[in-house]
Amino acid sequence: MQFKRLKDLREDHDFTQTELASMLGISQRGYSHYEKGDNDIPTEILIRLSQIYGTSTDYILGLSNQRAREHIKSEKDKTQL
């Protein structure tokens, strides 16, 4: 499975593969394998990518078209509406 959104997000944020790989604590080659879909993305890397980009893991995986993370309101927040 190719993760096209990984490349799009990286380019939108003006990161090189080397820079992003460094932020993730992996090699550039390892990161490249994720972008090309040669390797599955480990959960901890996927979560870190969503934090870096401020988006959901579902968006990165192509399961959602909503780019921004939705904040789940607590029960307390819901009663104050």
PDB file of N, CA and C in Angstrom:
ATOM      1  N   MET A   1       0.837  -1.173   0.000  1.00  0.00           N
ATOM      2  CA  MET A   1       0.000   0.000   0.000  1.00  0.00           C
ATOM      3  C   MET A   1       0.888   1.245   0.000  1.00  0.00           C
ATOM      4  N   GLN A   2       0.643   2.132  -0.929  1.00  0.00           N
ATOM      5  CA  GLN A   2       1.410   3.373  -1.000  1.00  0.00           C
ATOM      6  C   GLN A   2       0.703   4.439  -0.170  1.00  0.00           C
ATOM      7  N   PHE A   3       1.486   5.177   0.589  1.00  0.00           N
ATOM      8  CA  PHE A   3       0.947   6.227   1.437  1.00  0.00           C
ATOM      9  C   PHE A   3       1.237   7.582   0.799  1.00  0.00           C
ATOM     10  N   LYS A   4       0.471   7.930  -0.238  1.00  0.00           N
ATOM     11  CA  LYS A   4       0.684   9.165  -0.990  1.00  0.00           C
ATOM     12  C   LYS A   4       0.606  10.395  -0.106  1.00  0.00           C
ATOM     13  N   ARG A   5      -0.251  10.350   0.876  1.00  0.00           N
ATOM     14  CA  ARG A   5      -0.412  11.521   1.733  1.00  0.00           C
ATOM     15  C   ARG A   5       0.848  11.815   2.546  1.00  0.00           C
ATOM     16  N   LEU A   6       1.657  10.809   2.804  1.00  0.00           N
ATOM     17  CA  LEU A   6       2.913  11.058   3.521  1.00  0.00           C
ATOM     18  C   LEU A   6       3.785  12.031   2.750  1.00  0.00           C
ATOM     19  N   LYS A   7       3.919  11.788   1.475  1.00  0.00           N
ATOM     20  CA  LYS A   7       4.745  12.669   0.647  1.00  0.00           C
ATOM     21  C   LYS A   7       4.100  14.049   0.539  1.00  0.00           C
ATOM     22  N   ASP A   8       2.794  14.088   0.326  1.00  0.00           N
ATOM     23  CA  ASP A   8       2.091  15.368   0.209  1.00  0.00           C
ATOM     24  C   ASP A   8       2.243  16.199   1.479  1.00  0.00           C
ATOM     25  N   LEU A   9       2.044  15.575   2.634  1.00  0.00           N
ATOM     26  CA  LEU A   9       2.180  16.292   3.897  1.00  0.00           C
ATOM     27  C   LEU A   9       3.609  16.774   4.113  1.00  0.00           C
ATOM     28  N   ARG A  10       4.556  15.919   3.811  1.00  0.00           N
ATOM     29  CA  ARG A  10       5.966  16.285   3.982  1.00  0.00           C
ATOM     30  C   ARG A  10       6.311  17.491   3.113  1.00  0.00           C
ATOM     31  N   GLU A  11       5.898  17.458   1.861  1.00  0.00           N
ATOM     32  CA  GLU A  11       6.186  18.567   0.949  1.00  0.00           C
ATOM     33  C   GLU A  11       5.426  19.836   1.346  1.00  0.00           C
ATOM     34  N   ASP A  12       4.190  19.689   1.815  1.00  0.00           N
ATOM     35  CA  ASP A  12       3.417  20.849   2.273  1.00  0.00           C
ATOM     36  C   ASP A  12       4.104  21.564   3.436  1.00  0.00           C
ATOM     37  N   HIS A  13       4.847  20.795   4.243  1.00  0.00           N
ATOM     38  CA  HIS A  13       5.544  21.362   5.400  1.00  0.00           C
ATOM     39  C   HIS A  13       7.014  21.668   5.096  1.00  0.00           C
ATOM     40  N   ASP A  14       7.388  21.540   3.833  1.00  0.00           N
ATOM     41  CA  ASP A  14       8.758  21.841   3.383  1.00  0.00           C
ATOM     42  C   ASP A  14       9.840  21.054   4.125  1.00  0.00           C
ATOM     43  N   PHE A  15       9.553  19.780   4.404  1.00  0.00           N
ATOM     44  CA  PHE A  15      10.550  18.894   5.002  1.00  0.00           C
ATOM     45  C   PHE A  15      11.168  18.030   3.923  1.00  0.00           C
ATOM     46  N   THR A  16      12.445  17.749   4.068  1.00  0.00           N
ATOM     47  CA  THR A  16      13.063  16.709   3.234  1.00  0.00           C
ATOM     48  C   THR A  16      12.827  15.378   3.938  1.00  0.00           C
ATOM     49  N   GLN A  17      13.033  14.302   3.216  1.00  0.00           N
ATOM     50  CA  GLN A  17      12.929  12.989   3.846  1.00  0.00           C
ATOM     51  C   GLN A  17      13.949  12.863   4.973  1.00  0.00           C
ATOM     52  N   THR A  18      15.131  13.400   4.763  1.00  0.00           N
ATOM     53  CA  THR A  18      16.194  13.318   5.771  1.00  0.00           C
ATOM     54  C   THR A  18      15.800  14.063   7.042  1.00  0.00           C
ATOM     55  N   GLU A  19      15.231  15.262   6.887  1.00  0.00           N
ATOM     56  CA  GLU A  19      14.811  16.037   8.058  1.00  0.00           C
ATOM     57  C   GLU A  19      13.717  15.316   8.840  1.00  0.00           C
ATOM     58  N   LEU A  20      12.730  14.819   8.132  1.00  0.00           N
ATOM     59  CA  LEU A  20      11.625  14.140   8.795  1.00  0.00           C
ATOM     60  C   LEU A  20      12.105  12.850   9.454  1.00  0.00           C
ATOM     61  N   ALA A  21      12.943  12.110   8.767  1.00  0.00           N
ATOM     62  CA  ALA A  21      13.484  10.877   9.339  1.00  0.00           C
ATOM     63  C   ALA A  21      14.231  11.175  10.633  1.00  0.00           C
ATOM     64  N   SER A  22      14.977  12.264  10.657  1.00  0.00           N
ATOM     65  CA  SER A  22      15.704  12.659  11.861  1.00  0.00           C
ATOM     66  C   SER A  22      14.736  12.958  13.007  1.00  0.00           C
ATOM     67  N   MET A  23      13.635  13.635  12.717  1.00  0.00           N
ATOM     68  CA  MET A  23      12.626  13.932  13.742  1.00  0.00           C
ATOM     69  C   MET A  23      12.015  12.651  14.307  1.00  0.00           C
ATOM     70  N   LEU A  24      11.932  11.635  13.448  1.00  0.00           N
ATOM     71  CA  LEU A  24      11.318  10.365  13.840  1.00  0.00           C
ATOM     72  C   LEU A  24      12.329   9.384  14.449  1.00  0.00           C
ATOM     73  N   GLY A  25      13.606   9.730  14.351  1.00  0.00           N
ATOM     74  CA  GLY A  25      14.640   8.841  14.888  1.00  0.00           C
ATOM     75  C   GLY A  25      14.890   7.613  14.037  1.00  0.00           C
ATOM     76  N   ILE A  26      14.692   7.759  12.732  1.00  0.00           N
ATOM     77  CA  ILE A  26      14.926   6.647  11.798  1.00  0.00           C
ATOM     78  C   ILE A  26      15.810   7.147  10.658  1.00  0.00           C
ATOM     79  N   SER A  27      16.222   6.235   9.799  1.00  0.00           N
ATOM     80  CA  SER A  27      17.056   6.612   8.656  1.00  0.00           C
ATOM     81  C   SER A  27      16.190   7.173   7.529  1.00  0.00           C
ATOM     82  N   GLN A  28      16.821   7.927   6.641  1.00  0.00           N
ATOM     83  CA  GLN A  28      16.110   8.454   5.474  1.00  0.00           C
ATOM     84  C   GLN A  28      15.596   7.302   4.624  1.00  0.00           C
ATOM     85  N   ARG A  29      16.401   6.275   4.487  1.00  0.00           N
ATOM     86  CA  ARG A  29      15.996   5.114   3.689  1.00  0.00           C
ATOM     87  C   ARG A  29      14.756   4.442   4.293  1.00  0.00           C
ATOM     88  N   GLY A  30      14.754   4.331   5.623  1.00  0.00           N
ATOM     89  CA  GLY A  30      13.596   3.735   6.299  1.00  0.00           C
ATOM     90  C   GLY A  30      12.335   4.542   6.057  1.00  0.00           C
ATOM     91  N   TYR A  31      12.483   5.869   6.145  1.00  0.00           N
ATOM     92  CA  TYR A  31      11.323   6.725   5.899  1.00  0.00           C
ATOM     93  C   TYR A  31      10.853   6.606   4.452  1.00  0.00           C
ATOM     94  N   SER A  32      11.789   6.570   3.543  1.00  0.00           N
ATOM     95  CA  SER A  32      11.462   6.442   2.121  1.00  0.00           C
ATOM     96  C   SER A  32      10.626   5.193   1.857  1.00  0.00           C
ATOM     97  N   HIS A  33      10.949   4.114   2.557  1.00  0.00           N
ATOM     98  CA  HIS A  33      10.182   2.866   2.393  1.00  0.00           C
ATOM     99  C   HIS A  33       8.729   3.040   2.835  1.00  0.00           C
ATOM    100  N   TYR A  34       8.488   3.891   3.836  1.00  0.00           N
ATOM    101  CA  TYR A  34       7.100   4.160   4.238  1.00  0.00           C
ATOM    102  C   TYR A  34       6.366   4.929   3.142  1.00  0.00           C
ATOM    103  N   GLU A  35       7.005   5.967   2.629  1.00  0.00           N
ATOM    104  CA  GLU A  35       6.360   6.781   1.576  1.00  0.00           C
ATOM    105  C   GLU A  35       6.024   5.948   0.350  1.00  0.00           C
ATOM    106  N   LYS A  36       6.941   5.071  -0.032  1.00  0.00           N
ATOM    107  CA  LYS A  36       6.722   4.254  -1.234  1.00  0.00           C
ATOM    108  C   LYS A  36       5.788   3.083  -0.970  1.00  0.00           C
ATOM    109  N   GLY A  37       5.496   2.816   0.288  1.00  0.00           N
ATOM    110  CA  GLY A  37       4.618   1.694   0.615  1.00  0.00           C
ATOM    111  C   GLY A  37       5.335   0.365   0.650  1.00  0.00           C
ATOM    112  N   ASP A  38       6.663   0.398   0.651  1.00  0.00           N
ATOM    113  CA  ASP A  38       7.432  -0.849   0.726  1.00  0.00           C
ATOM    114  C   ASP A  38       7.316  -1.491   2.104  1.00  0.00           C
ATOM    115  N   ASN A  39       7.161  -0.661   3.136  1.00  0.00           N
ATOM    116  CA  ASN A  39       7.021  -1.139   4.513  1.00  0.00           C
ATOM    117  C   ASN A  39       5.787  -0.514   5.139  1.00  0.00           C
ATOM    118  N   ASP A  40       5.135  -1.261   6.015  1.00  0.00           N
ATOM    119  CA  ASP A  40       4.038  -0.697   6.796  1.00  0.00           C
ATOM    120  C   ASP A  40       4.613   0.276   7.814  1.00  0.00           C
ATOM    121  N   ILE A  41       3.815   1.252   8.181  1.00  0.00           N
ATOM    122  CA  ILE A  41       4.246   2.260   9.146  1.00  0.00           C
ATOM    123  C   ILE A  41       3.938   1.746  10.547  1.00  0.00           C
ATOM    124  N   PRO A  42       4.960   1.625  11.397  1.00  0.00           N
ATOM    125  CA  PRO A  42       4.689   1.207  12.776  1.00  0.00           C
ATOM    126  C   PRO A  42       3.782   2.210  13.491  1.00  0.00           C
ATOM    127  N   THR A  43       2.989   1.723  14.401  1.00  0.00           N
ATOM    128  CA  THR A  43       2.023   2.561  15.105  1.00  0.00           C
ATOM    129  C   THR A  43       2.676   3.776  15.751  1.00  0.00           C
ATOM    130  N   GLU A  44       3.806   3.576  16.412  1.00  0.00           N
ATOM    131  CA  GLU A  44       4.436   4.712  17.102  1.00  0.00           C
ATOM    132  C   GLU A  44       4.913   5.781  16.118  1.00  0.00           C
ATOM    133  N   ILE A  45       5.356   5.380  14.929  1.00  0.00           N
ATOM    134  CA  ILE A  45       5.763   6.344  13.892  1.00  0.00           C
ATOM    135  C   ILE A  45       4.530   7.052  13.337  1.00  0.00           C
ATOM    136  N   LEU A  46       3.476   6.318  13.120  1.00  0.00           N
ATOM    137  CA  LEU A  46       2.231   6.896  12.609  1.00  0.00           C
ATOM    138  C   LEU A  46       1.684   7.949  13.574  1.00  0.00           C
ATOM    139  N   ILE A  47       1.702   7.653  14.856  1.00  0.00           N
ATOM    140  CA  ILE A  47       1.233   8.610  15.859  1.00  0.00           C
ATOM    141  C   ILE A  47       2.115   9.844  15.859  1.00  0.00           C
ATOM    142  N   ARG A  48       3.416   9.652  15.798  1.00  0.00           N
ATOM    143  CA  ARG A  48       4.340  10.797  15.789  1.00  0.00           C
ATOM    144  C   ARG A  48       4.117  11.662  14.549  1.00  0.00           C
ATOM    145  N   LEU A  49       3.894  11.042  13.386  1.00  0.00           N
ATOM    146  CA  LEU A  49       3.618  11.796  12.163  1.00  0.00           C
ATOM    147  C   LEU A  49       2.347  12.630  12.312  1.00  0.00           C
ATOM    148  N   SER A  50       1.318  12.052  12.923  1.00  0.00           N
ATOM    149  CA  SER A  50       0.072  12.795  13.109  1.00  0.00           C
ATOM    150  C   SER A  50       0.289  13.985  14.037  1.00  0.00           C
ATOM    151  N   GLN A  51       1.174  13.839  15.013  1.00  0.00           N
ATOM    152  CA  GLN A  51       1.484  14.954  15.913  1.00  0.00           C
ATOM    153  C   GLN A  51       2.270  16.042  15.179  1.00  0.00           C
ATOM    154  N   ILE A  52       3.241  15.641  14.387  1.00  0.00           N
ATOM    155  CA  ILE A  52       4.054  16.600  13.632  1.00  0.00           C
ATOM    156  C   ILE A  52       3.180  17.408  12.681  1.00  0.00           C
ATOM    157  N   TYR A  53       2.269  16.723  11.991  1.00  0.00           N
ATOM    158  CA  TYR A  53       1.452  17.385  10.976  1.00  0.00           C
ATOM    159  C   TYR A  53       0.140  17.953  11.508  1.00  0.00           C
ATOM    160  N   GLY A  54      -0.214  17.639  12.746  1.00  0.00           N
ATOM    161  CA  GLY A  54      -1.475  18.129  13.297  1.00  0.00           C
ATOM    162  C   GLY A  54      -2.683  17.559  12.593  1.00  0.00           C
ATOM    163  N   THR A  55      -2.585  16.314  12.200  1.00  0.00           N
ATOM    164  CA  THR A  55      -3.675  15.662  11.492  1.00  0.00           C
ATOM    165  C   THR A  55      -3.948  14.302  12.131  1.00  0.00           C
ATOM    166  N   SER A  56      -4.977  13.652  11.691  1.00  0.00           N
ATOM    167  CA  SER A  56      -5.312  12.347  12.266  1.00  0.00           C
ATOM    168  C   SER A  56      -4.534  11.231  11.565  1.00  0.00           C
ATOM    169  N   THR A  57      -4.403  10.142  12.265  1.00  0.00           N
ATOM    170  CA  THR A  57      -3.780   8.973  11.645  1.00  0.00           C
ATOM    171  C   THR A  57      -4.658   8.465  10.503  1.00  0.00           C
ATOM    172  N   ASP A  58      -5.971   8.598  10.650  1.00  0.00           N
ATOM    173  CA  ASP A  58      -6.883   8.179   9.578  1.00  0.00           C
ATOM    174  C   ASP A  58      -6.625   8.962   8.296  1.00  0.00           C
ATOM    175  N   TYR A  59      -6.350  10.256   8.429  1.00  0.00           N
ATOM    176  CA  TYR A  59      -6.057  11.059   7.240  1.00  0.00           C
ATOM    177  C   TYR A  59      -4.774  10.564   6.570  1.00  0.00           C
ATOM    178  N   ILE A  60      -3.747  10.328   7.351  1.00  0.00           N
ATOM    179  CA  ILE A  60      -2.477   9.852   6.800  1.00  0.00           C
ATOM    180  C   ILE A  60      -2.672   8.533   6.066  1.00  0.00           C
ATOM    181  N   LEU A  61      -3.495   7.658   6.633  1.00  0.00           N
ATOM    182  CA  LEU A  61      -3.724   6.337   6.040  1.00  0.00           C
ATOM    183  C   LEU A  61      -4.732   6.356   4.889  1.00  0.00           C
ATOM    184  N   GLY A  62      -5.357   7.514   4.646  1.00  0.00           N
ATOM    185  CA  GLY A  62      -6.330   7.607   3.561  1.00  0.00           C
ATOM    186  C   GLY A  62      -7.708   7.112   3.934  1.00  0.00           C
ATOM    187  N   LEU A  63      -7.973   6.978   5.240  1.00  0.00           N
ATOM    188  CA  LEU A  63      -9.275   6.506   5.700  1.00  0.00           C
ATOM    189  C   LEU A  63     -10.259   7.640   5.926  1.00  0.00           C
ATOM    190  N   SER A  64      -9.765   8.873   5.902  1.00  0.00           N
ATOM    191  CA  SER A  64     -10.588  10.052   6.101  1.00  0.00           C
ATOM    192  C   SER A  64     -10.062  11.160   5.196  1.00  0.00           C
ATOM    193  N   ASN A  65     -10.949  12.011   4.772  1.00  0.00           N
ATOM    194  CA  ASN A  65     -10.540  13.169   3.977  1.00  0.00           C
ATOM    195  C   ASN A  65     -10.459  14.435   4.820  1.00  0.00           C
ATOM    196  N   GLN A  66     -10.762  14.317   6.107  1.00  0.00           N
ATOM    197  CA  GLN A  66     -10.677  15.464   7.008  1.00  0.00           C
ATOM    198  C   GLN A  66      -9.239  15.592   7.490  1.00  0.00           C
ATOM    199  N   ARG A  67      -8.601  16.667   7.051  1.00  0.00           N
ATOM    200  CA  ARG A  67      -7.182  16.837   7.326  1.00  0.00           C
ATOM    201  C   ARG A  67      -6.896  17.221   8.776  1.00  0.00           C
ATOM    202  N   ALA A  68      -7.684  18.129   9.324  1.00  0.00           N
ATOM    203  CA  ALA A  68      -7.446  18.584  10.698  1.00  0.00           C
ATOM    204  C   ALA A  68      -7.964  17.552  11.693  1.00  0.00           C
ATOM    205  N   ARG A  69      -7.241  17.440  12.800  1.00  0.00           N
ATOM    206  CA  ARG A  69      -7.671  16.542  13.864  1.00  0.00           C
ATOM    207  C   ARG A  69      -8.922  17.085  14.517  1.00  0.00           C
ATOM    208  N   GLU A  70      -9.869  16.208  14.768  1.00  0.00           N
ATOM    209  CA  GLU A  70     -11.072  16.601  15.494  1.00  0.00           C
ATOM    210  C   GLU A  70     -10.817  16.363  16.974  1.00  0.00           C
ATOM    211  N   HIS A  71     -11.215  17.326  17.758  1.00  0.00           N
ATOM    212  CA  HIS A  71     -11.069  17.169  19.198  1.00  0.00           C
ATOM    213  C   HIS A  71     -12.355  16.581  19.746  1.00  0.00           C
ATOM    214  N   ILE A  72     -12.226  15.525  20.495  1.00  0.00           N
ATOM    215  CA  ILE A  72     -13.384  14.874  21.090  1.00  0.00           C
ATOM    216  C   ILE A  72     -13.733  15.639  22.361  1.00  0.00           C
ATOM    217  N   LYS A  73     -14.959  16.072  22.428  1.00  0.00           N
ATOM    218  CA  LYS A  73     -15.390  16.828  23.600  1.00  0.00           C
ATOM    219  C   LYS A  73     -15.691  15.866  24.743  1.00  0.00           C
ATOM    220  N   SER A  74     -15.316  16.276  25.931  1.00  0.00           N
ATOM    221  CA  SER A  74     -15.619  15.481  27.114  1.00  0.00           C
ATOM    222  C   SER A  74     -17.096  15.643  27.453  1.00  0.00           C
ATOM    223  N   GLU A  75     -17.595  14.790  28.312  1.00  0.00           N
ATOM    224  CA  GLU A  75     -18.985  14.882  28.746  1.00  0.00           C
ATOM    225  C   GLU A  75     -19.226  16.235  29.415  1.00  0.00           C
ATOM    226  N   LYS A  76     -18.254  16.737  30.164  1.00  0.00           N
ATOM    227  CA  LYS A  76     -18.384  18.030  30.827  1.00  0.00           C
ATOM    228  C   LYS A  76     -18.554  19.145  29.802  1.00  0.00           C
ATOM    229  N   ASP A  77     -17.755  19.106  28.730  1.00  0.00           N
ATOM    230  CA  ASP A  77     -17.860  20.112  27.672  1.00  0.00           C
ATOM    231  C   ASP A  77     -19.222  20.066  27.007  1.00  0.00           C
ATOM    232  N   LYS A  78     -19.755  18.872  26.808  1.00  0.00           N
ATOM    233  CA  LYS A  78     -21.034  18.725  26.128  1.00  0.00           C
ATOM    234  C   LYS A  78     -22.176  19.324  26.955  1.00  0.00           C
ATOM    235  N   THR A  79     -22.107  19.204  28.281  1.00  0.00           N
ATOM    236  CA  THR A  79     -23.185  19.715  29.123  1.00  0.00           C
ATOM    237  C   THR A  79     -23.137  21.231  29.227  1.00  0.00           C
ATOM    238  N   GLN A  80     -21.990  21.836  28.920  1.00  0.00           N
ATOM    239  CA  GLN A  80     -21.874  23.288  29.008  1.00  0.00           C
ATOM    240  C   GLN A  80     -22.317  23.981  27.732  1.00  0.00           C
ATOM    241  N   LEU A  81     -22.713  23.228  26.715  1.00  0.00           N
ATOM    242  CA  LEU A  81     -23.157  23.829  25.464  1.00  0.00           C
ATOM    243  C   LEU A  81     -24.496  24.432  25.579  1.00  0.00           C
TER     244      LEU A  81
END
